[in-house]
Structures are given as structure tokens and as C-alpha cells.
Amino acid sequence: MTTRSQKKSNSTSSNLSVSQKRIENSWILLIKESLFENSSFSIITLPHPANGNFSKYCLDNVHNKMFEVMTYSEPYRSWFIGDFVKSDGSILMITPINPLFLVLPRLKEQCLNRAVPLNDLLSEKGFDKIIDFVKNMDNIGDLKGPAEMKAYKYNEEKTLNWLEERIHKVAKVLNEKNIHVVSGAVSSTFVSSNLNNDSIDEEFYLKYAHGIISEYLQEDLVEKLEKRFNFKPEIIETVGKKRKSEVDLNNSNKKAKNESTCEDFNDVKAGVLLNGSSETKKKPTAKEKARQKAASGTKTISSFFTKK
């Protein structure tokens, strides 16, 4: 026979279980307040311009701006949300991205020897959402035919000039913000330095900026850009080590970005993004397997306190 107090207790436990599951199957998204209040703010899935892997991008129709969803994640971090603990301590952030980087691979592939109207070039699902966000196509292609058709043919020289200009702009910001660009501790990534910028060769900033821009380019363009700058071997080695340490650190973050955001965000404007799908089981690492093997056959601590 179930008493009223037992029913109440069972109901409370059930509610807590549902709340915990909702928290655990959620994402934490950091966005500007203006976007939080934007009713036309949406998220779409598109291939990443460098590798073709699916990534998430945010569209702000009010301000006509586009953002990339980035994931920052480190091991042994959790979130405290209300009375619950969310084991996944990662955080999603959005950073501005120029839509031309997303258009470039398609223009390069389809418009090498012919001109294609922009509407046809971006007719595929997902790309059709960013047509109104694409500006300054003349930076990477030549306009052919009537202006109203917006038909473009890929121009590699224009593209390299535009990318070179972007690299110089990024290098300037890195210099102004005193960002570490030489090899050193990984913890100094994107942290202001007390070093005098006058003591650091400008070429270090250019090489570092080249590495940042290269993350959005296909390999052939990366190599052609590097030849244009003709970096000194010692700078390539020094900055290369710095960039490699960051890439190694962020490999898991990129994987998380592609996997944890693979489902549609239906509750985008909430501080905690809820996803109704079940959790994905992760394969245990070698260390976890060894720990499980060592623990097999042993008793739990609670077993020593049970009635005999």
C-alpha cells in the first residue's frame, strides 16, 4: 500500500530526474544581449570552408551579420545550474565571420571557367539562407553580364589580394592587443603580453595572422598565400610551434563543435539550449578501460554498510 507521503516523494524524485536530464542534455551559449532579444536570430548548418565538415552558423537578420558557433571545452570542468550539476563544462560562443569565406570554395569549384549567378551558386539548402548576407563578391570574383544577374567568375588574383589584406588587418589587431605570437606556454594563447611590441618583428604577427586565416581556407590557397609573404624559415618554425600547440589544444574543441551541435537548436535565445535527444555514449579511453579492469571484482564502499 502506497501512502500519500510516498507518492509525493516519488513525484518529487521524478521531477528532479526530468530536470536533471534536461540540464544534462543542454548547451550553454554565450551571446550578446542584442542577439538574445532578436526574434529573427537563427542558426543554420553549413560545410566548413576549410574541410567541409558541418558547422553551425548564426544569422542576425536585423543587423545583417553572420557568426560562427565556436566551442570552448577543457577536461574536468562542469556547470552549476540551479541545484544541478551539468557534467559537460563546455561553452558555445559566437564570433563574427565574413560570408565570403563560405562562398569561396563553391565559387572556386563551380566558377573557375564560367560565370554563375549568385542565386544559383547558393541555391543549395542552407546556402540559400545567406544570399542576402554576402557582400563584396568583387573581392573574389569578376562580375559577368548584366549587374542584376550577379553572375560571377572566380578570380584567383583578386582572392589572394583580398586574403593578403585580411592577414595584414588581423596582424595589426594582434599587435595592438599585445597578443602572444611567439612560441611559449599554451596558457598564453590569446592573452595580452607585457612585452614591448617594438621588440617583436612585424613578420611574426603576419605569420600568426596567416595561420588564423588559413583555418578557413583550402590547402592550395594556404600555400599560395605563404609564398606571397615569403616568411623567413626561423619565423615559420617559431610561430609554427606556437600555432601547433594551439591546434593540438583545440582539436577536442573542434570535435565537440562538430558533434555537440549536430542537432538543430530549437531554443536558441535561451541561456541554456535544451536538446531533447538522448545522450551520445562515448567510447571509453585506454585509461578508463584500464581503471575499469583494475576495479573489476572489487566491492563498492556502500556495500560495507548494508545489513547482513
C-alpha atoms as a PDB file:
ATOM      1  CA  MET A   1       0.000   0.000   0.000  1.00  0.00           C
ATOM      2  CA  THR A   2       1.444   3.379  -1.026  1.00  0.00           C
ATOM      3  CA  THR A   3       0.977   6.266   1.400  1.00  0.00           C
ATOM      4  CA  ARG A   4       0.380   9.879   0.390  1.00  0.00           C
ATOM      5  CA  SER A   5       3.852  10.891   1.586  1.00  0.00           C
ATOM      6  CA  GLN A   6       5.443   8.153  -0.549  1.00  0.00           C
ATOM      7  CA  LYS A   7       3.528   9.318  -3.640  1.00  0.00           C
ATOM      8  CA  LYS A   8       4.669  12.875  -3.012  1.00  0.00           C
ATOM      9  CA  SER A   9       8.267  11.699  -2.599  1.00  0.00           C
ATOM     10  CA  ASN A  10       8.131   9.647  -5.811  1.00  0.00           C
ATOM     11  CA  SER A  11       6.655  12.601  -7.709  1.00  0.00           C
ATOM     12  CA  THR A  12       9.401  14.921  -6.433  1.00  0.00           C
ATOM     13  CA  SER A  13      12.110  12.436  -7.384  1.00  0.00           C
ATOM     14  CA  SER A  14      10.615  12.067 -10.866  1.00  0.00           C
ATOM     15  CA  ASN A  15      10.545  15.837 -11.382  1.00  0.00           C
ATOM     16  CA  LEU A  16      14.144  16.138 -10.228  1.00  0.00           C
ATOM     17  CA  SER A  17      15.156  13.346 -12.605  1.00  0.00           C
ATOM     18  CA  VAL A  18      13.492  15.103 -15.570  1.00  0.00           C
ATOM     19  CA  SER A  19      15.076  18.445 -14.649  1.00  0.00           C
ATOM     20  CA  GLN A  20      18.497  16.843 -14.301  1.00  0.00           C
ATOM     21  CA  LYS A  21      18.128  15.167 -17.696  1.00  0.00           C
ATOM     22  CA  ARG A  22      17.120  18.457 -19.324  1.00  0.00           C
ATOM     23  CA  ILE A  23      20.116  20.207 -17.797  1.00  0.00           C
ATOM     24  CA  GLU A  24      22.499  17.418 -18.831  1.00  0.00           C
ATOM     25  CA  ASN A  25      21.199  17.450 -22.433  1.00  0.00           C
ATOM     26  CA  SER A  26      21.608  21.199 -22.805  1.00  0.00           C
ATOM     27  CA  TRP A  27      24.258  23.581 -24.119  1.00  0.00           C
ATOM     28  CA  ILE A  28      25.492  26.854 -22.695  1.00  0.00           C
ATOM     29  CA  LEU A  29      25.572  29.597 -25.335  1.00  0.00           C
ATOM     30  CA  LEU A  30      27.205  32.978 -24.772  1.00  0.00           C
ATOM     31  CA  ILE A  31      25.742  35.707 -26.998  1.00  0.00           C
ATOM     32  CA  LYS A  32      25.286  39.471 -26.965  1.00  0.00           C
ATOM     33  CA  GLU A  33      22.147  40.790 -25.316  1.00  0.00           C
ATOM     34  CA  SER A  34      21.071  42.397 -28.595  1.00  0.00           C
ATOM     35  CA  LEU A  35      21.038  38.943 -30.232  1.00  0.00           C
ATOM     36  CA  PHE A  36      19.268  37.423 -27.248  1.00  0.00           C
ATOM     37  CA  GLU A  37      16.396  39.840 -27.809  1.00  0.00           C
ATOM     38  CA  ASN A  38      16.452  39.405 -31.604  1.00  0.00           C
ATOM     39  CA  SER A  39      13.370  37.452 -32.701  1.00  0.00           C
ATOM     40  CA  SER A  40      14.827  36.863 -36.198  1.00  0.00           C
ATOM     41  CA  PHE A  41      18.066  35.378 -34.881  1.00  0.00           C
ATOM     42  CA  SER A  42      18.569  31.858 -36.317  1.00  0.00           C
ATOM     43  CA  ILE A  43      21.158  29.076 -36.585  1.00  0.00           C
ATOM     44  CA  ILE A  44      21.955  27.100 -39.736  1.00  0.00           C
ATOM     45  CA  THR A  45      24.304  24.254 -40.686  1.00  0.00           C
ATOM     46  CA  LEU A  46      26.878  24.688 -43.459  1.00  0.00           C
ATOM     47  CA  PRO A  47      30.103  22.941 -44.523  1.00  0.00           C
ATOM     48  CA  HIS A  48      33.231  24.476 -43.046  1.00  0.00           C
ATOM     49  CA  PRO A  49      35.160  26.266 -45.824  1.00  0.00           C
ATOM     50  CA  ALA A  50      38.467  24.559 -44.988  1.00  0.00           C
ATOM     51  CA  ASN A  51      37.479  20.902 -44.571  1.00  0.00           C
ATOM     52  CA  GLY A  52      33.811  20.546 -45.493  1.00  0.00           C
ATOM     53  CA  ASN A  53      32.785  19.295 -42.045  1.00  0.00           C
ATOM     54  CA  PHE A  54      29.377  20.554 -40.955  1.00  0.00           C
ATOM     55  CA  SER A  55      29.462  23.519 -38.573  1.00  0.00           C
ATOM     56  CA  LYS A  56      26.882  25.861 -37.086  1.00  0.00           C
ATOM     57  CA  TYR A  57      26.484  29.500 -38.096  1.00  0.00           C
ATOM     58  CA  CYS A  58      24.234  32.208 -36.661  1.00  0.00           C
ATOM     59  CA  LEU A  59      22.324  34.696 -38.798  1.00  0.00           C
ATOM     60  CA  ASP A  60      21.368  38.105 -37.444  1.00  0.00           C
ATOM     61  CA  ASN A  61      18.800  39.361 -39.951  1.00  0.00           C
ATOM     62  CA  VAL A  62      18.309  42.670 -38.155  1.00  0.00           C
ATOM     63  CA  HIS A  63      21.938  43.783 -38.390  1.00  0.00           C
ATOM     64  CA  ASN A  64      22.682  41.617 -41.457  1.00  0.00           C
ATOM     65  CA  LYS A  65      25.616  39.910 -39.744  1.00  0.00           C
ATOM     66  CA  MET A  66      26.809  36.316 -39.684  1.00  0.00           C
ATOM     67  CA  PHE A  67      28.549  34.458 -36.843  1.00  0.00           C
ATOM     68  CA  GLU A  68      30.286  31.130 -36.407  1.00  0.00           C
ATOM     69  CA  VAL A  69      29.419  28.923 -33.419  1.00  0.00           C
ATOM     70  CA  MET A  70      32.624  28.018 -31.590  1.00  0.00           C
ATOM     71  CA  THR A  71      33.009  25.568 -28.707  1.00  0.00           C
ATOM     72  CA  TYR A  72      35.456  26.074 -25.871  1.00  0.00           C
ATOM     73  CA  SER A  73      35.986  22.925 -23.842  1.00  0.00           C
ATOM     74  CA  GLU A  74      38.546  21.687 -21.343  1.00  0.00           C
ATOM     75  CA  PRO A  75      38.572  18.452 -19.316  1.00  0.00           C
ATOM     76  CA  TYR A  76      37.401  18.327 -15.702  1.00  0.00           C
ATOM     77  CA  ARG A  77      35.021  21.282 -15.965  1.00  0.00           C
ATOM     78  CA  SER A  78      31.334  21.382 -15.048  1.00  0.00           C
ATOM     79  CA  TRP A  79      28.479  23.863 -14.834  1.00  0.00           C
ATOM     80  CA  PHE A  80      26.397  24.524 -11.715  1.00  0.00           C
ATOM     81  CA  ILE A  81      22.869  25.343 -12.941  1.00  0.00           C
ATOM     82  CA  GLY A  82      20.405  25.979 -10.148  1.00  0.00           C
ATOM     83  CA  ASP A  83      20.501  22.914  -7.885  1.00  0.00           C
ATOM     84  CA  PHE A  84      22.047  20.687 -10.553  1.00  0.00           C
ATOM     85  CA  VAL A  85      25.494  19.921 -11.935  1.00  0.00           C
ATOM     86  CA  LYS A  86      25.982  19.677 -15.699  1.00  0.00           C
ATOM     87  CA  SER A  87      28.965  17.392 -16.293  1.00  0.00           C
ATOM     88  CA  ASP A  88      29.834  18.901 -19.694  1.00  0.00           C
ATOM     89  CA  GLY A  89      31.605  22.149 -18.809  1.00  0.00           C
ATOM     90  CA  SER A  90      31.992  23.362 -22.396  1.00  0.00           C
ATOM     91  CA  ILE A  91      30.618  26.694 -23.569  1.00  0.00           C
ATOM     92  CA  LEU A  92      29.406  27.764 -27.006  1.00  0.00           C
ATOM     93  CA  MET A  93      30.383  31.208 -28.232  1.00  0.00           C
ATOM     94  CA  ILE A  94      29.681  33.059 -31.459  1.00  0.00           C
ATOM     95  CA  THR A  95      32.299  35.010 -33.380  1.00  0.00           C
ATOM     96  CA  PRO A  96      31.779  37.175 -36.494  1.00  0.00           C
ATOM     97  CA  ILE A  97      32.670  35.589 -39.820  1.00  0.00           C
ATOM     98  CA  ASN A  98      32.762  37.053 -43.311  1.00  0.00           C
ATOM     99  CA  PRO A  99      30.327  35.052 -45.516  1.00  0.00           C
ATOM    100  CA  LEU A 100      32.816  35.303 -48.401  1.00  0.00           C
ATOM    101  CA  PHE A 101      34.884  32.576 -46.698  1.00  0.00           C
ATOM    102  CA  LEU A 102      31.887  30.220 -47.028  1.00  0.00           C
ATOM    103  CA  VAL A 103      31.187  31.213 -50.629  1.00  0.00           C
ATOM    104  CA  LEU A 104      34.825  30.962 -51.753  1.00  0.00           C
ATOM    105  CA  PRO A 105      35.087  27.124 -52.007  1.00  0.00           C
ATOM    106  CA  ARG A 106      31.901  26.951 -54.108  1.00  0.00           C
ATOM    107  CA  LEU A 107      32.959  29.820 -56.359  1.00  0.00           C
ATOM    108  CA  LYS A 108      36.384  28.241 -56.806  1.00  0.00           C
ATOM    109  CA  GLU A 109      34.891  24.833 -57.645  1.00  0.00           C
ATOM    110  CA  GLN A 110      31.981  25.852 -59.886  1.00  0.00           C
ATOM    111  CA  CYS A 111      33.066  29.159 -61.419  1.00  0.00           C
ATOM    112  CA  LEU A 112      36.639  28.522 -62.484  1.00  0.00           C
ATOM    113  CA  ASN A 113      35.861  28.623 -66.216  1.00  0.00           C
ATOM    114  CA  ARG A 114      32.382  30.097 -66.277  1.00  0.00           C
ATOM    115  CA  ALA A 115      30.232  32.701 -64.566  1.00  0.00           C
ATOM    116  CA  VAL A 116      27.314  31.549 -62.389  1.00  0.00           C
ATOM    117  CA  PRO A 117      24.566  33.762 -60.912  1.00  0.00           C
ATOM    118  CA  LEU A 118      24.900  34.104 -57.142  1.00  0.00           C
ATOM    119  CA  ASN A 119      21.369  32.764 -56.593  1.00  0.00           C
ATOM    120  CA  ASP A 120      22.266  29.567 -58.492  1.00  0.00           C
ATOM    121  CA  LEU A 121      25.636  29.255 -56.776  1.00  0.00           C
ATOM    122  CA  LEU A 122      23.972  29.408 -53.360  1.00  0.00           C
ATOM    123  CA  SER A 123      20.769  27.539 -54.216  1.00  0.00           C
ATOM    124  CA  GLU A 124      21.645  24.504 -52.070  1.00  0.00           C
ATOM    125  CA  LYS A 125      19.830  24.114 -48.756  1.00  0.00           C
ATOM    126  CA  GLY A 126      21.487  26.214 -46.088  1.00  0.00           C
ATOM    127  CA  PHE A 127      23.416  28.415 -48.504  1.00  0.00           C
ATOM    128  CA  ASP A 128      20.149  29.932 -49.729  1.00  0.00           C
ATOM    129  CA  LYS A 129      19.797  31.475 -46.255  1.00  0.00           C
ATOM    130  CA  ILE A 130      22.989  33.535 -46.576  1.00  0.00           C
ATOM    131  CA  ILE A 131      22.476  35.112 -50.026  1.00  0.00           C
ATOM    132  CA  ASP A 132      21.449  38.454 -48.517  1.00  0.00           C
ATOM    133  CA  PHE A 133      24.479  38.360 -46.189  1.00  0.00           C
ATOM    134  CA  VAL A 134      27.037  38.030 -48.997  1.00  0.00           C
ATOM    135  CA  LYS A 135      28.579  41.373 -49.928  1.00  0.00           C
ATOM    136  CA  ASN A 136      31.592  42.496 -51.980  1.00  0.00           C
ATOM    137  CA  MET A 137      31.764  39.479 -54.279  1.00  0.00           C
ATOM    138  CA  ASP A 138      34.086  41.576 -56.439  1.00  0.00           C
ATOM    139  CA  ASN A 139      36.825  40.780 -53.879  1.00  0.00           C
ATOM    140  CA  ILE A 140      36.995  37.162 -55.040  1.00  0.00           C
ATOM    141  CA  GLY A 141      35.414  37.143 -58.499  1.00  0.00           C
ATOM    142  CA  ASP A 142      34.634  39.047 -61.701  1.00  0.00           C
ATOM    143  CA  LEU A 143      31.106  40.202 -62.453  1.00  0.00           C
ATOM    144  CA  LYS A 144      29.953  38.960 -65.870  1.00  0.00           C
ATOM    145  CA  GLY A 145      26.860  40.003 -67.805  1.00  0.00           C
ATOM    146  CA  PRO A 146      24.126  42.351 -66.523  1.00  0.00           C
ATOM    147  CA  ALA A 147      24.661  43.627 -62.969  1.00  0.00           C
ATOM    148  CA  GLU A 148      21.199  42.491 -61.865  1.00  0.00           C
ATOM    149  CA  MET A 149      22.099  38.853 -62.660  1.00  0.00           C
ATOM    150  CA  LYS A 150      25.015  38.943 -60.190  1.00  0.00           C
ATOM    151  CA  ALA A 151      26.901  36.297 -62.179  1.00  0.00           C
ATOM    152  CA  TYR A 152      30.498  35.849 -61.033  1.00  0.00           C
ATOM    153  CA  LYS A 153      33.571  34.010 -62.258  1.00  0.00           C
ATOM    154  CA  TYR A 154      36.352  33.058 -59.838  1.00  0.00           C
ATOM    155  CA  ASN A 155      39.426  35.324 -59.901  1.00  0.00           C
ATOM    156  CA  GLU A 156      42.389  33.873 -58.016  1.00  0.00           C
ATOM    157  CA  GLU A 157      44.489  37.050 -58.126  1.00  0.00           C
ATOM    158  CA  LYS A 158      41.688  39.101 -56.599  1.00  0.00           C
ATOM    159  CA  THR A 159      41.139  36.411 -53.975  1.00  0.00           C
ATOM    160  CA  LEU A 160      44.799  36.326 -52.936  1.00  0.00           C
ATOM    161  CA  ASN A 161      44.911  40.131 -52.780  1.00  0.00           C
ATOM    162  CA  TRP A 162      41.826  40.160 -50.578  1.00  0.00           C
ATOM    163  CA  LEU A 163      43.180  37.446 -48.281  1.00  0.00           C
ATOM    164  CA  GLU A 164      46.526  39.236 -48.038  1.00  0.00           C
ATOM    165  CA  GLU A 165      44.695  42.383 -46.954  1.00  0.00           C
ATOM    166  CA  ARG A 166      42.774  40.400 -44.319  1.00  0.00           C
ATOM    167  CA  ILE A 167      46.011  38.971 -42.949  1.00  0.00           C
ATOM    168  CA  HIS A 168      47.502  42.460 -42.592  1.00  0.00           C
ATOM    169  CA  LYS A 169      44.373  43.623 -40.728  1.00  0.00           C
ATOM    170  CA  VAL A 170      44.482  40.665 -38.332  1.00  0.00           C
ATOM    171  CA  ALA A 171      48.216  41.183 -37.747  1.00  0.00           C
ATOM    172  CA  LYS A 172      47.557  44.826 -36.876  1.00  0.00           C
ATOM    173  CA  VAL A 173      44.934  43.847 -34.287  1.00  0.00           C
ATOM    174  CA  LEU A 174      47.237  41.211 -32.769  1.00  0.00           C
ATOM    175  CA  ASN A 175      49.935  43.856 -32.411  1.00  0.00           C
ATOM    176  CA  GLU A 176      47.602  46.438 -30.889  1.00  0.00           C
ATOM    177  CA  LYS A 177      46.185  43.907 -28.408  1.00  0.00           C
ATOM    178  CA  ASN A 178      49.655  42.667 -27.367  1.00  0.00           C
ATOM    179  CA  ILE A 179      48.761  39.059 -28.217  1.00  0.00           C
ATOM    180  CA  HIS A 180      51.462  36.392 -27.841  1.00  0.00           C
ATOM    181  CA  VAL A 181      52.618  35.327 -31.300  1.00  0.00           C
ATOM    182  CA  VAL A 182      55.877  33.544 -30.478  1.00  0.00           C
ATOM    183  CA  SER A 183      56.263  30.006 -29.148  1.00  0.00           C
ATOM    184  CA  GLY A 184      55.721  29.668 -25.421  1.00  0.00           C
ATOM    185  CA  ALA A 185      53.301  28.307 -22.885  1.00  0.00           C
ATOM    186  CA  VAL A 186      49.972  27.176 -24.252  1.00  0.00           C
ATOM    187  CA  SER A 187      48.275  29.084 -21.446  1.00  0.00           C
ATOM    188  CA  SER A 188      49.376  32.351 -23.027  1.00  0.00           C
ATOM    189  CA  THR A 189      47.105  31.791 -26.035  1.00  0.00           C
ATOM    190  CA  PHE A 190      45.219  34.980 -26.842  1.00  0.00           C
ATOM    191  CA  VAL A 191      46.414  36.609 -23.621  1.00  0.00           C
ATOM    192  CA  SER A 192      47.803  40.132 -23.517  1.00  0.00           C
ATOM    193  CA  SER A 193      51.539  40.342 -23.037  1.00  0.00           C
ATOM    194  CA  ASN A 194      53.654  42.872 -21.176  1.00  0.00           C
ATOM    195  CA  LEU A 195      56.316  42.618 -23.863  1.00  0.00           C
ATOM    196  CA  ASN A 196      57.142  45.730 -25.816  1.00  0.00           C
ATOM    197  CA  ASN A 197      55.748  45.239 -29.314  1.00  0.00           C
ATOM    198  CA  ASP A 198      58.644  47.190 -30.774  1.00  0.00           C
ATOM    199  CA  SER A 199      60.926  44.251 -29.917  1.00  0.00           C
ATOM    200  CA  ILE A 200      58.862  41.796 -31.983  1.00  0.00           C
ATOM    201  CA  ASP A 201      59.333  41.665 -35.747  1.00  0.00           C
ATOM    202  CA  GLU A 202      56.160  42.522 -37.692  1.00  0.00           C
ATOM    203  CA  GLU A 203      56.670  39.348 -39.695  1.00  0.00           C
ATOM    204  CA  PHE A 204      55.863  37.295 -36.571  1.00  0.00           C
ATOM    205  CA  TYR A 205      52.404  38.906 -36.438  1.00  0.00           C
ATOM    206  CA  LEU A 206      51.893  38.388 -40.158  1.00  0.00           C
ATOM    207  CA  LYS A 207      52.789  34.711 -39.913  1.00  0.00           C
ATOM    208  CA  TYR A 208      50.490  34.245 -36.928  1.00  0.00           C
ATOM    209  CA  ALA A 209      47.652  36.063 -38.719  1.00  0.00           C
ATOM    210  CA  HIS A 210      48.307  33.867 -41.756  1.00  0.00           C
ATOM    211  CA  GLY A 211      47.746  30.822 -39.527  1.00  0.00           C
ATOM    212  CA  ILE A 212      44.421  32.184 -38.256  1.00  0.00           C
ATOM    213  CA  ILE A 213      43.083  32.990 -41.736  1.00  0.00           C
ATOM    214  CA  SER A 214      44.367  29.638 -43.037  1.00  0.00           C
ATOM    215  CA  GLU A 215      41.927  27.814 -40.749  1.00  0.00           C
ATOM    216  CA  TYR A 216      39.174  28.936 -43.154  1.00  0.00           C
ATOM    217  CA  LEU A 217      40.987  28.183 -46.420  1.00  0.00           C
ATOM    218  CA  GLN A 218      41.665  25.138 -48.549  1.00  0.00           C
ATOM    219  CA  GLU A 219      45.260  23.928 -48.600  1.00  0.00           C
ATOM    220  CA  ASP A 220      46.208  25.221 -52.067  1.00  0.00           C
ATOM    221  CA  LEU A 221      45.273  28.800 -51.138  1.00  0.00           C
ATOM    222  CA  VAL A 222      47.172  28.490 -47.857  1.00  0.00           C
ATOM    223  CA  GLU A 223      50.353  27.533 -49.711  1.00  0.00           C
ATOM    224  CA  LYS A 224      49.971  30.291 -52.318  1.00  0.00           C
ATOM    225  CA  LEU A 225      49.481  32.880 -49.595  1.00  0.00           C
ATOM    226  CA  GLU A 226      52.559  31.664 -47.750  1.00  0.00           C
ATOM    227  CA  LYS A 227      54.629  32.005 -50.920  1.00  0.00           C
ATOM    228  CA  ARG A 228      53.391  35.581 -51.317  1.00  0.00           C
ATOM    229  CA  PHE A 229      54.649  36.566 -47.888  1.00  0.00           C
ATOM    230  CA  ASN A 230      57.873  34.567 -48.254  1.00  0.00           C
ATOM    231  CA  PHE A 231      58.301  34.172 -44.480  1.00  0.00           C
ATOM    232  CA  LYS A 232      61.771  33.604 -43.064  1.00  0.00           C
ATOM    233  CA  PRO A 233      62.452  29.963 -42.063  1.00  0.00           C
ATOM    234  CA  GLU A 234      63.089  30.888 -38.394  1.00  0.00           C
ATOM    235  CA  ILE A 235      59.752  32.725 -38.224  1.00  0.00           C
ATOM    236  CA  ILE A 236      57.926  29.774 -39.780  1.00  0.00           C
ATOM    237  CA  GLU A 237      59.459  27.466 -37.154  1.00  0.00           C
ATOM    238  CA  THR A 238      58.877  29.779 -34.169  1.00  0.00           C
ATOM    239  CA  VAL A 239      55.321  30.821 -34.950  1.00  0.00           C
ATOM    240  CA  GLY A 240      54.550  27.363 -36.328  1.00  0.00           C
ATOM    241  CA  LYS A 241      55.291  25.795 -32.942  1.00  0.00           C
ATOM    242  CA  LYS A 242      53.030  28.318 -31.257  1.00  0.00           C
ATOM    243  CA  ARG A 243      50.177  27.698 -33.685  1.00  0.00           C
ATOM    244  CA  LYS A 244      50.663  23.903 -33.479  1.00  0.00           C
ATOM    245  CA  SER A 245      50.347  23.948 -29.685  1.00  0.00           C
ATOM    246  CA  GLU A 246      47.068  25.826 -30.029  1.00  0.00           C
ATOM    247  CA  VAL A 247      45.766  23.476 -32.712  1.00  0.00           C
ATOM    248  CA  ASP A 248      46.589  20.466 -30.508  1.00  0.00           C
ATOM    249  CA  LEU A 249      44.815  22.150 -27.605  1.00  0.00           C
ATOM    250  CA  ASN A 250      41.725  22.945 -29.682  1.00  0.00           C
ATOM    251  CA  ASN A 251      41.421  19.622 -31.534  1.00  0.00           C
ATOM    252  CA  SER A 252      38.957  18.337 -28.951  1.00  0.00           C
ATOM    253  CA  ASN A 253      37.088  21.648 -29.091  1.00  0.00           C
ATOM    254  CA  LYS A 254      36.664  21.383 -32.858  1.00  0.00           C
ATOM    255  CA  LYS A 255      35.445  17.819 -32.474  1.00  0.00           C
ATOM    256  CA  ALA A 256      32.978  18.993 -29.860  1.00  0.00           C
ATOM    257  CA  LYS A 257      31.830  21.769 -32.153  1.00  0.00           C
ATOM    258  CA  ASN A 258      31.039  19.320 -34.939  1.00  0.00           C
ATOM    259  CA  GLU A 259      29.417  16.687 -32.705  1.00  0.00           C
ATOM    260  CA  SER A 260      27.684  18.508 -29.861  1.00  0.00           C
ATOM    261  CA  THR A 261      25.997  20.979 -32.200  1.00  0.00           C
ATOM    262  CA  CYS A 262      24.971  18.439 -34.824  1.00  0.00           C
ATOM    263  CA  GLU A 263      21.307  18.707 -33.762  1.00  0.00           C
ATOM    264  CA  ASP A 264      19.169  21.767 -34.534  1.00  0.00           C
ATOM    265  CA  PHE A 265      18.991  24.385 -31.793  1.00  0.00           C
ATOM    266  CA  ASN A 266      15.279  24.923 -31.218  1.00  0.00           C
ATOM    267  CA  ASP A 267      15.651  27.135 -28.158  1.00  0.00           C
ATOM    268  CA  VAL A 268      18.449  29.375 -29.369  1.00  0.00           C
ATOM    269  CA  LYS A 269      17.680  32.519 -27.441  1.00  0.00           C
ATOM    270  CA  ALA A 270      17.724  30.769 -24.068  1.00  0.00           C
ATOM    271  CA  GLY A 271      20.829  30.982 -21.928  1.00  0.00           C
ATOM    272  CA  VAL A 272      20.751  27.186 -21.703  1.00  0.00           C
ATOM    273  CA  LEU A 273      19.976  25.472 -25.024  1.00  0.00           C
ATOM    274  CA  LEU A 274      17.858  22.395 -24.481  1.00  0.00           C
ATOM    275  CA  ASN A 275      18.033  19.340 -26.699  1.00  0.00           C
ATOM    276  CA  GLY A 276      15.564  16.516 -26.316  1.00  0.00           C
ATOM    277  CA  SER A 277      17.786  13.895 -27.912  1.00  0.00           C
ATOM    278  CA  SER A 278      19.359  11.206 -25.782  1.00  0.00           C
ATOM    279  CA  GLU A 279      22.960  11.453 -24.771  1.00  0.00           C
ATOM    280  CA  THR A 280      25.582  10.044 -27.077  1.00  0.00           C
ATOM    281  CA  LYS A 281      27.585   7.287 -25.453  1.00  0.00           C
ATOM    282  CA  LYS A 282      31.275   7.988 -25.611  1.00  0.00           C
ATOM    283  CA  LYS A 283      33.806   5.257 -26.113  1.00  0.00           C
ATOM    284  CA  PRO A 284      35.997   4.810 -23.015  1.00  0.00           C
ATOM    285  CA  THR A 285      39.594   5.875 -23.335  1.00  0.00           C
ATOM    286  CA  ALA A 286      42.512   3.498 -22.754  1.00  0.00           C
ATOM    287  CA  LYS A 287      42.972   4.962 -19.267  1.00  0.00           C
ATOM    288  CA  GLU A 288      39.293   4.438 -18.418  1.00  0.00           C
ATOM    289  CA  LYS A 289      39.416   0.859 -19.713  1.00  0.00           C
ATOM    290  CA  ALA A 290      42.445   0.151 -17.512  1.00  0.00           C
ATOM    291  CA  ARG A 291      40.671   1.669 -14.493  1.00  0.00           C
ATOM    292  CA  GLN A 292      37.559  -0.445 -15.132  1.00  0.00           C
ATOM    293  CA  LYS A 293      39.668  -3.589 -15.474  1.00  0.00           C
ATOM    294  CA  ALA A 294      41.500  -2.883 -12.223  1.00  0.00           C
ATOM    295  CA  ALA A 295      38.207  -2.257 -10.422  1.00  0.00           C
ATOM    296  CA  SER A 296      36.529  -5.440 -11.640  1.00  0.00           C
ATOM    297  CA  GLY A 297      35.737  -7.879  -8.833  1.00  0.00           C
ATOM    298  CA  THR A 298      36.036  -5.270  -6.079  1.00  0.00           C
ATOM    299  CA  LYS A 299      33.224  -4.159  -3.810  1.00  0.00           C
ATOM    300  CA  THR A 300      31.804  -0.668  -3.636  1.00  0.00           C
ATOM    301  CA  ILE A 301      32.193   1.351  -0.414  1.00  0.00           C
ATOM    302  CA  SER A 302      28.425   1.324   0.137  1.00  0.00           C
ATOM    303  CA  SER A 303      28.399  -2.477   0.255  1.00  0.00           C
ATOM    304  CA  PHE A 304      30.225  -2.407   3.607  1.00  0.00           C
ATOM    305  CA  PHE A 305      27.328  -0.526   5.223  1.00  0.00           C
ATOM    306  CA  THR A 306      24.447  -2.787   4.167  1.00  0.00           C
ATOM    307  CA  LYS A 307      22.666  -5.119   6.591  1.00  0.00           C
ATOM    308  CA  LYS A 308      23.981  -8.653   6.715  1.00  0.00           C
END
